[in-house]
Amino acid sequence: MRDLLELRDEIDQIDSQIVDLYERRMAISEEVAEYKIAVGKKVFDKQREVSKLETLSRKGTTPFLKHGIRELFEQIMSMSRKRQYQLLTEHGQTEKTDFKEVDHLNYKNAKIVFQGTEGAYSQLALNEYFGENADSYHVDTWRDAMEAIQNGEADYAVFPIENSSAGIVSENYDLMVEYNNYIVGEQIIRIDHALLGLSEADMDDITDIYSHPQALMQCSKYLESHRDWEKHSLKNTAMSAQKIK
């Protein structure tokens, strides 16, 4: 067994290499931004990033490492996009806004949008914050929710931002940067995941499970003990539950 100080010294050396590589990557990202500015290309290329995340996560040797690699590169890509958006602003291609102080927010007669379907955790947060009688509706994606506010179809949207076990929801941070909308409130809710199946189902018969990527990460310790199960990512947990028939 190696000495603890020796192990920590090796970790420090690896971390220094990671920092150097990160700075190199960000420098190249700035060049990418300059190119996109010159040709009028959008910063966020979802198809490219989804493909790259899939390729990188497959390099992991265990489900835990696969999730960790995906989470790591989601953060790196998020920081890259934020820097590119900063450069867009510096070039005068996006409107630079500041926070605006208001005396109060009027929720009366407000229309609220959330992503997913009936029973989603976002709907639970919505009900706790605005009340169960709030005028609300759901859309397929978080971008749709942002567009609803932008187009005046909704007054407020409920977005998951972070959780204590799997970290931030990076896609939504990116949307916050892209759209000129503001965070105006916070609702903390408890998330309790459950493994659901049909009444006649047996644990030994399980071959595939479906959930949101964040939920899969939050349950990674349990799923690690069932490596033969195929994991599938869907838009949210409520949609995943509806898939089981």
C-alpha atoms as a PDB file:
ATOM      1  CA  MET A   1       0.000   0.000   0.000  1.00  0.00           C
ATOM      2  CA  ARG A   2       1.375   3.397  -1.000  1.00  0.00           C
ATOM      3  CA  ASP A   3       1.812   6.220   1.500  1.00  0.00           C
ATOM      4  CA  LEU A   4      -1.036   8.782   1.716  1.00  0.00           C
ATOM      5  CA  LEU A   5       1.302  11.734   1.125  1.00  0.00           C
ATOM      6  CA  GLU A   6       2.665  10.045  -1.988  1.00  0.00           C
ATOM      7  CA  LEU A   7      -0.869   9.490  -3.296  1.00  0.00           C
ATOM      8  CA  ARG A   8      -1.855  13.097  -2.612  1.00  0.00           C
ATOM      9  CA  ASP A   9       1.279  14.348  -4.327  1.00  0.00           C
ATOM     10  CA  GLU A  10       0.369  12.350  -7.438  1.00  0.00           C
ATOM     11  CA  ILE A  11      -3.180  13.742  -7.334  1.00  0.00           C
ATOM     12  CA  ASP A  12      -1.754  17.285  -7.091  1.00  0.00           C
ATOM     13  CA  GLN A  13       0.371  16.666 -10.174  1.00  0.00           C
ATOM     14  CA  ILE A  14      -2.604  15.309 -12.112  1.00  0.00           C
ATOM     15  CA  ASP A  15      -4.749  18.271 -11.020  1.00  0.00           C
ATOM     16  CA  SER A  16      -2.098  20.693 -12.283  1.00  0.00           C
ATOM     17  CA  GLN A  17      -2.140  18.941 -15.644  1.00  0.00           C
ATOM     18  CA  ILE A  18      -5.939  19.177 -15.727  1.00  0.00           C
ATOM     19  CA  VAL A  19      -5.749  22.937 -15.044  1.00  0.00           C
ATOM     20  CA  ASP A  20      -3.243  23.404 -17.870  1.00  0.00           C
ATOM     21  CA  LEU A  21      -5.400  21.398 -20.277  1.00  0.00           C
ATOM     22  CA  TYR A  22      -8.512  23.299 -19.199  1.00  0.00           C
ATOM     23  CA  GLU A  23      -6.849  26.647 -19.931  1.00  0.00           C
ATOM     24  CA  ARG A  24      -5.728  25.367 -23.338  1.00  0.00           C
ATOM     25  CA  ARG A  25      -9.259  24.197 -24.075  1.00  0.00           C
ATOM     26  CA  MET A  26     -10.767  27.547 -23.068  1.00  0.00           C
ATOM     27  CA  ALA A  27      -8.282  29.396 -25.287  1.00  0.00           C
ATOM     28  CA  ILE A  28      -9.377  27.278 -28.248  1.00  0.00           C
ATOM     29  CA  SER A  29     -12.996  27.858 -27.244  1.00  0.00           C
ATOM     30  CA  GLU A  30     -12.401  31.604 -27.578  1.00  0.00           C
ATOM     31  CA  GLU A  31     -11.119  31.027 -31.110  1.00  0.00           C
ATOM     32  CA  VAL A  32     -14.280  29.033 -31.822  1.00  0.00           C
ATOM     33  CA  ALA A  33     -16.322  31.990 -30.534  1.00  0.00           C
ATOM     34  CA  GLU A  34     -14.486  34.407 -32.818  1.00  0.00           C
ATOM     35  CA  TYR A  35     -15.243  32.149 -35.776  1.00  0.00           C
ATOM     36  CA  LYS A  36     -18.927  31.880 -34.834  1.00  0.00           C
ATOM     37  CA  ILE A  37     -19.150  35.663 -34.460  1.00  0.00           C
ATOM     38  CA  ALA A  38     -17.568  36.149 -37.881  1.00  0.00           C
ATOM     39  CA  VAL A  39     -19.930  33.762 -39.692  1.00  0.00           C
ATOM     40  CA  GLY A  40     -23.035  34.424 -37.571  1.00  0.00           C
ATOM     41  CA  LYS A  41     -23.233  30.901 -36.154  1.00  0.00           C
ATOM     42  CA  LYS A  42     -25.081  30.232 -32.869  1.00  0.00           C
ATOM     43  CA  VAL A  43     -23.037  29.381 -29.791  1.00  0.00           C
ATOM     44  CA  PHE A  44     -25.085  26.360 -28.696  1.00  0.00           C
ATOM     45  CA  ASP A  45     -24.832  23.390 -31.070  1.00  0.00           C
ATOM     46  CA  LYS A  46     -26.944  20.793 -29.279  1.00  0.00           C
ATOM     47  CA  GLN A  47     -26.431  17.982 -31.786  1.00  0.00           C
ATOM     48  CA  ARG A  48     -22.651  18.373 -31.606  1.00  0.00           C
ATOM     49  CA  GLU A  49     -22.601  18.415 -27.802  1.00  0.00           C
ATOM     50  CA  VAL A  50     -24.980  15.472 -27.358  1.00  0.00           C
ATOM     51  CA  SER A  51     -22.858  13.415 -29.744  1.00  0.00           C
ATOM     52  CA  LYS A  52     -19.626  14.412 -28.002  1.00  0.00           C
ATOM     53  CA  LEU A  53     -21.003  13.635 -24.525  1.00  0.00           C
ATOM     54  CA  GLU A  54     -22.118  10.201 -25.700  1.00  0.00           C
ATOM     55  CA  THR A  55     -18.687   9.500 -27.198  1.00  0.00           C
ATOM     56  CA  LEU A  56     -16.812  10.652 -24.095  1.00  0.00           C
ATOM     57  CA  SER A  57     -19.052   8.893 -21.561  1.00  0.00           C
ATOM     58  CA  ARG A  58     -18.625   5.592 -23.399  1.00  0.00           C
ATOM     59  CA  LYS A  59     -14.917   5.761 -22.552  1.00  0.00           C
ATOM     60  CA  GLY A  60     -15.787   5.181 -18.880  1.00  0.00           C
ATOM     61  CA  THR A  61     -15.178   1.636 -17.652  1.00  0.00           C
ATOM     62  CA  THR A  62     -18.043   1.538 -15.103  1.00  0.00           C
ATOM     63  CA  PRO A  63     -21.536   3.110 -14.966  1.00  0.00           C
ATOM     64  CA  PHE A  64     -20.329   5.377 -12.137  1.00  0.00           C
ATOM     65  CA  LEU A  65     -17.382   6.621 -14.207  1.00  0.00           C
ATOM     66  CA  LYS A  66     -19.559   7.034 -17.309  1.00  0.00           C
ATOM     67  CA  HIS A  67     -21.901   9.340 -15.353  1.00  0.00           C
ATOM     68  CA  GLY A  68     -18.943  11.189 -13.848  1.00  0.00           C
ATOM     69  CA  ILE A  69     -17.328  11.777 -17.234  1.00  0.00           C
ATOM     70  CA  ARG A  70     -20.615  13.077 -18.635  1.00  0.00           C
ATOM     71  CA  GLU A  71     -21.087  15.427 -15.660  1.00  0.00           C
ATOM     72  CA  LEU A  72     -17.490  16.674 -15.902  1.00  0.00           C
ATOM     73  CA  PHE A  73     -17.710  17.508 -19.583  1.00  0.00           C
ATOM     74  CA  GLU A  74     -21.169  19.042 -19.218  1.00  0.00           C
ATOM     75  CA  GLN A  75     -19.555  21.506 -16.805  1.00  0.00           C
ATOM     76  CA  ILE A  76     -16.600  22.139 -19.112  1.00  0.00           C
ATOM     77  CA  MET A  77     -18.886  22.711 -22.095  1.00  0.00           C
ATOM     78  CA  SER A  78     -21.110  24.970 -20.017  1.00  0.00           C
ATOM     79  CA  MET A  79     -18.146  27.169 -19.030  1.00  0.00           C
ATOM     80  CA  SER A  80     -17.029  27.229 -22.660  1.00  0.00           C
ATOM     81  CA  ARG A  81     -20.447  28.452 -23.782  1.00  0.00           C
ATOM     82  CA  LYS A  82     -20.574  31.083 -21.050  1.00  0.00           C
ATOM     83  CA  ARG A  83     -17.233  32.478 -22.224  1.00  0.00           C
ATOM     84  CA  GLN A  84     -18.475  32.483 -25.816  1.00  0.00           C
ATOM     85  CA  TYR A  85     -21.607  34.384 -24.766  1.00  0.00           C
ATOM     86  CA  GLN A  86     -19.362  36.899 -22.965  1.00  0.00           C
ATOM     87  CA  LEU A  87     -17.416  37.442 -26.170  1.00  0.00           C
ATOM     88  CA  LEU A  88     -20.653  37.926 -28.093  1.00  0.00           C
ATOM     89  CA  THR A  89     -21.621  40.645 -25.616  1.00  0.00           C
ATOM     90  CA  GLU A  90     -18.197  42.277 -25.921  1.00  0.00           C
ATOM     91  CA  HIS A  91     -18.705  42.383 -29.688  1.00  0.00           C
ATOM     92  CA  GLY A  92     -22.069  44.087 -29.172  1.00  0.00           C
ATOM     93  CA  GLN A  93     -24.073  41.180 -30.545  1.00  0.00           C
ATOM     94  CA  THR A  94     -26.199  40.552 -27.442  1.00  0.00           C
ATOM     95  CA  GLU A  95     -28.031  42.974 -25.217  1.00  0.00           C
ATOM     96  CA  LYS A  96     -26.221  43.555 -21.944  1.00  0.00           C
ATOM     97  CA  THR A  97     -28.717  43.738 -19.076  1.00  0.00           C
ATOM     98  CA  ASP A  98     -28.458  44.368 -15.348  1.00  0.00           C
ATOM     99  CA  PHE A  99     -30.634  43.180 -12.489  1.00  0.00           C
ATOM    100  CA  LYS A 100     -33.723  45.299 -11.909  1.00  0.00           C
ATOM    101  CA  GLU A 101     -35.080  45.909  -8.423  1.00  0.00           C
ATOM    102  CA  VAL A 102     -38.854  45.656  -8.012  1.00  0.00           C
ATOM    103  CA  ASP A 103     -41.036  46.282  -4.964  1.00  0.00           C
ATOM    104  CA  HIS A 104     -43.019  43.072  -5.335  1.00  0.00           C
ATOM    105  CA  LEU A 105     -44.053  40.415  -7.830  1.00  0.00           C
ATOM    106  CA  ASN A 106     -47.690  40.015  -8.766  1.00  0.00           C
ATOM    107  CA  TYR A 107     -48.588  36.344  -9.048  1.00  0.00           C
ATOM    108  CA  LYS A 108     -52.333  36.981  -9.281  1.00  0.00           C
ATOM    109  CA  ASN A 109     -53.705  35.797 -12.635  1.00  0.00           C
ATOM    110  CA  ALA A 110     -50.185  34.732 -13.627  1.00  0.00           C
ATOM    111  CA  LYS A 111     -49.704  31.905 -16.097  1.00  0.00           C
ATOM    112  CA  ILE A 112     -46.911  29.487 -15.190  1.00  0.00           C
ATOM    113  CA  VAL A 113     -45.202  26.953 -17.436  1.00  0.00           C
ATOM    114  CA  PHE A 114     -43.172  23.891 -16.465  1.00  0.00           C
ATOM    115  CA  GLN A 115     -41.300  21.246 -18.419  1.00  0.00           C
ATOM    116  CA  GLY A 116     -42.479  17.662 -18.538  1.00  0.00           C
ATOM    117  CA  THR A 117     -45.925  16.299 -17.873  1.00  0.00           C
ATOM    118  CA  GLU A 118     -48.436  15.954 -15.037  1.00  0.00           C
ATOM    119  CA  GLY A 119     -46.685  14.657 -11.927  1.00  0.00           C
ATOM    120  CA  ALA A 120     -43.236  16.040 -12.763  1.00  0.00           C
ATOM    121  CA  TYR A 121     -41.081  17.326  -9.905  1.00  0.00           C
ATOM    122  CA  SER A 122     -41.248  20.765 -11.531  1.00  0.00           C
ATOM    123  CA  GLN A 123     -45.015  20.688 -11.107  1.00  0.00           C
ATOM    124  CA  LEU A 124     -44.579  19.801  -7.435  1.00  0.00           C
ATOM    125  CA  ALA A 125     -42.270  22.811  -6.982  1.00  0.00           C
ATOM    126  CA  LEU A 126     -44.757  24.972  -8.890  1.00  0.00           C
ATOM    127  CA  ASN A 127     -47.634  23.937  -6.626  1.00  0.00           C
ATOM    128  CA  GLU A 128     -45.626  24.605  -3.472  1.00  0.00           C
ATOM    129  CA  TYR A 129     -44.475  28.036  -4.661  1.00  0.00           C
ATOM    130  CA  PHE A 130     -47.528  29.365  -6.516  1.00  0.00           C
ATOM    131  CA  GLY A 131     -50.252  27.200  -4.969  1.00  0.00           C
ATOM    132  CA  GLU A 132     -52.133  24.207  -6.353  1.00  0.00           C
ATOM    133  CA  ASN A 133     -54.763  26.420  -7.999  1.00  0.00           C
ATOM    134  CA  ALA A 134     -52.208  28.305 -10.093  1.00  0.00           C
ATOM    135  CA  ASP A 135     -52.920  28.612 -13.812  1.00  0.00           C
ATOM    136  CA  SER A 136     -50.237  26.347 -15.250  1.00  0.00           C
ATOM    137  CA  TYR A 137     -49.427  24.185 -18.236  1.00  0.00           C
ATOM    138  CA  HIS A 138     -46.541  21.997 -19.388  1.00  0.00           C
ATOM    139  CA  VAL A 139     -44.253  21.878 -22.430  1.00  0.00           C
ATOM    140  CA  ASP A 140     -41.852  19.277 -23.809  1.00  0.00           C
ATOM    141  CA  THR A 141     -38.506  21.004 -23.229  1.00  0.00           C
ATOM    142  CA  TRP A 142     -36.938  23.655 -21.002  1.00  0.00           C
ATOM    143  CA  ARG A 143     -36.172  25.694 -24.109  1.00  0.00           C
ATOM    144  CA  ASP A 144     -39.907  25.640 -24.883  1.00  0.00           C
ATOM    145  CA  ALA A 145     -40.523  27.050 -21.397  1.00  0.00           C
ATOM    146  CA  MET A 146     -38.023  29.859 -21.983  1.00  0.00           C
ATOM    147  CA  GLU A 147     -39.616  30.602 -25.346  1.00  0.00           C
ATOM    148  CA  ALA A 148     -43.030  30.756 -23.676  1.00  0.00           C
ATOM    149  CA  ILE A 149     -41.820  33.582 -21.412  1.00  0.00           C
ATOM    150  CA  GLN A 150     -40.016  35.301 -24.267  1.00  0.00           C
ATOM    151  CA  ASN A 151     -43.152  35.222 -26.435  1.00  0.00           C
ATOM    152  CA  GLY A 152     -45.488  36.357 -23.664  1.00  0.00           C
ATOM    153  CA  GLU A 153     -47.326  33.032 -23.524  1.00  0.00           C
ATOM    154  CA  ALA A 154     -46.391  32.586 -19.850  1.00  0.00           C
ATOM    155  CA  ASP A 155     -45.498  34.959 -17.022  1.00  0.00           C
ATOM    156  CA  TYR A 156     -43.248  32.584 -15.083  1.00  0.00           C
ATOM    157  CA  ALA A 157     -41.490  29.259 -15.640  1.00  0.00           C
ATOM    158  CA  VAL A 158     -40.327  26.703 -13.098  1.00  0.00           C
ATOM    159  CA  PHE A 159     -36.807  25.406 -13.733  1.00  0.00           C
ATOM    160  CA  PRO A 160     -34.664  22.902 -11.817  1.00  0.00           C
ATOM    161  CA  ILE A 161     -31.283  24.528 -11.218  1.00  0.00           C
ATOM    162  CA  GLU A 162     -29.342  22.185  -8.957  1.00  0.00           C
ATOM    163  CA  ASN A 163     -29.621  19.350  -6.482  1.00  0.00           C
ATOM    164  CA  SER A 164     -27.508  18.214  -3.566  1.00  0.00           C
ATOM    165  CA  SER A 165     -26.388  14.879  -5.020  1.00  0.00           C
ATOM    166  CA  ALA A 166     -25.868  15.347  -8.782  1.00  0.00           C
ATOM    167  CA  GLY A 167     -24.947  19.038  -8.929  1.00  0.00           C
ATOM    168  CA  ILE A 168     -26.212  21.706 -11.291  1.00  0.00           C
ATOM    169  CA  VAL A 169     -28.526  21.170 -14.251  1.00  0.00           C
ATOM    170  CA  SER A 170     -26.064  22.639 -16.743  1.00  0.00           C
ATOM    171  CA  GLU A 171     -28.477  22.826 -19.682  1.00  0.00           C
ATOM    172  CA  ASN A 172     -30.699  25.227 -17.740  1.00  0.00           C
ATOM    173  CA  TYR A 173     -27.781  27.448 -16.753  1.00  0.00           C
ATOM    174  CA  ASP A 174     -26.997  27.715 -20.446  1.00  0.00           C
ATOM    175  CA  LEU A 175     -30.575  28.767 -21.165  1.00  0.00           C
ATOM    176  CA  MET A 176     -30.334  31.424 -18.447  1.00  0.00           C
ATOM    177  CA  VAL A 177     -27.335  32.869 -20.268  1.00  0.00           C
ATOM    178  CA  GLU A 178     -28.988  32.665 -23.667  1.00  0.00           C
ATOM    179  CA  TYR A 179     -32.313  34.283 -22.732  1.00  0.00           C
ATOM    180  CA  ASN A 180     -32.831  37.638 -21.009  1.00  0.00           C
ATOM    181  CA  ASN A 181     -35.009  36.224 -18.236  1.00  0.00           C
ATOM    182  CA  TYR A 182     -34.463  36.531 -14.494  1.00  0.00           C
ATOM    183  CA  ILE A 183     -34.551  34.240 -11.471  1.00  0.00           C
ATOM    184  CA  VAL A 184     -37.183  35.789  -9.199  1.00  0.00           C
ATOM    185  CA  GLY A 185     -37.776  33.108  -6.577  1.00  0.00           C
ATOM    186  CA  GLU A 186     -36.640  29.808  -5.140  1.00  0.00           C
ATOM    187  CA  GLN A 187     -38.421  26.669  -3.978  1.00  0.00           C
ATOM    188  CA  ILE A 188     -36.526  23.800  -2.384  1.00  0.00           C
ATOM    189  CA  ILE A 189     -38.252  20.418  -2.563  1.00  0.00           C
ATOM    190  CA  ARG A 190     -37.295  16.930  -1.438  1.00  0.00           C
ATOM    191  CA  ILE A 191     -36.668  14.467  -4.255  1.00  0.00           C
ATOM    192  CA  ASP A 192     -37.529  10.836  -3.512  1.00  0.00           C
ATOM    193  CA  HIS A 193     -36.934   8.500  -6.419  1.00  0.00           C
ATOM    194  CA  ALA A 194     -38.574   5.088  -6.628  1.00  0.00           C
ATOM    195  CA  LEU A 195     -38.088   2.096  -8.906  1.00  0.00           C
ATOM    196  CA  LEU A 196     -41.509   1.641 -10.497  1.00  0.00           C
ATOM    197  CA  GLY A 197     -42.870  -1.294 -12.462  1.00  0.00           C
ATOM    198  CA  LEU A 198     -46.067  -3.151 -13.254  1.00  0.00           C
ATOM    199  CA  SER A 199     -47.775  -5.015 -10.415  1.00  0.00           C
ATOM    200  CA  GLU A 200     -46.907  -8.415 -11.891  1.00  0.00           C
ATOM    201  CA  ALA A 201     -43.270  -7.477 -12.575  1.00  0.00           C
ATOM    202  CA  ASP A 202     -40.403  -9.212 -10.802  1.00  0.00           C
ATOM    203  CA  MET A 203     -36.991  -7.719  -9.991  1.00  0.00           C
ATOM    204  CA  ASP A 204     -35.296 -10.639 -11.735  1.00  0.00           C
ATOM    205  CA  ASP A 205     -37.079  -9.764 -14.990  1.00  0.00           C
ATOM    206  CA  ILE A 206     -35.772  -6.185 -15.227  1.00  0.00           C
ATOM    207  CA  THR A 207     -33.610  -5.522 -18.289  1.00  0.00           C
ATOM    208  CA  ASP A 208     -34.102  -1.776 -18.954  1.00  0.00           C
ATOM    209  CA  ILE A 209     -34.820   1.294 -16.845  1.00  0.00           C
ATOM    210  CA  TYR A 210     -35.877   4.771 -17.970  1.00  0.00           C
ATOM    211  CA  SER A 211     -35.390   8.105 -16.234  1.00  0.00           C
ATOM    212  CA  HIS A 212     -33.992  11.613 -16.529  1.00  0.00           C
ATOM    213  CA  PRO A 213     -30.158  11.757 -16.670  1.00  0.00           C
ATOM    214  CA  GLN A 214     -30.039  13.633 -13.356  1.00  0.00           C
ATOM    215  CA  ALA A 215     -32.169  10.947 -11.678  1.00  0.00           C
ATOM    216  CA  LEU A 216     -29.904   8.236 -13.055  1.00  0.00           C
ATOM    217  CA  MET A 217     -26.904  10.049 -11.570  1.00  0.00           C
ATOM    218  CA  GLN A 218     -28.671  10.525  -8.242  1.00  0.00           C
ATOM    219  CA  CYS A 219     -29.361   6.777  -8.107  1.00  0.00           C
ATOM    220  CA  SER A 220     -25.959   5.724  -9.455  1.00  0.00           C
ATOM    221  CA  LYS A 221     -24.914   4.015  -6.214  1.00  0.00           C
ATOM    222  CA  TYR A 222     -27.955   1.740  -6.343  1.00  0.00           C
ATOM    223  CA  LEU A 223     -27.690   1.183 -10.100  1.00  0.00           C
ATOM    224  CA  GLU A 224     -24.045   0.220  -9.730  1.00  0.00           C
ATOM    225  CA  SER A 225     -25.255  -3.010  -8.094  1.00  0.00           C
ATOM    226  CA  HIS A 226     -27.361  -3.800 -11.185  1.00  0.00           C
ATOM    227  CA  ARG A 227     -24.873  -3.363 -14.008  1.00  0.00           C
ATOM    228  CA  ASP A 228     -26.819  -5.673 -16.321  1.00  0.00           C
ATOM    229  CA  TRP A 229     -29.716  -3.186 -16.501  1.00  0.00           C
ATOM    230  CA  GLU A 230     -29.694  -1.011 -19.610  1.00  0.00           C
ATOM    231  CA  LYS A 231     -30.147   2.670 -18.688  1.00  0.00           C
ATOM    232  CA  HIS A 232     -32.139   4.988 -20.967  1.00  0.00           C
ATOM    233  CA  SER A 233     -32.357   8.781 -20.591  1.00  0.00           C
ATOM    234  CA  LEU A 234     -35.684  10.547 -21.136  1.00  0.00           C
ATOM    235  CA  LYS A 235     -36.810  14.173 -20.766  1.00  0.00           C
ATOM    236  CA  ASN A 236     -38.044  13.781 -17.187  1.00  0.00           C
ATOM    237  CA  THR A 237     -39.057  11.272 -14.537  1.00  0.00           C
ATOM    238  CA  ALA A 238     -42.808  11.656 -15.053  1.00  0.00           C
ATOM    239  CA  MET A 239     -42.472  10.851 -18.761  1.00  0.00           C
ATOM    240  CA  SER A 240     -40.369   7.845 -17.801  1.00  0.00           C
ATOM    241  CA  ALA A 241     -43.121   6.561 -15.509  1.00  0.00           C
ATOM    242  CA  GLN A 242     -45.674   6.911 -18.303  1.00  0.00           C
ATOM    243  CA  LYS A 243     -43.539   4.687 -20.524  1.00  0.00           C
ATOM    244  CA  ILE A 244     -44.128   1.669 -18.263  1.00  0.00           C
ATOM    245  CA  LYS A 245     -47.336   0.000 -19.453  1.00  0.00           C
END
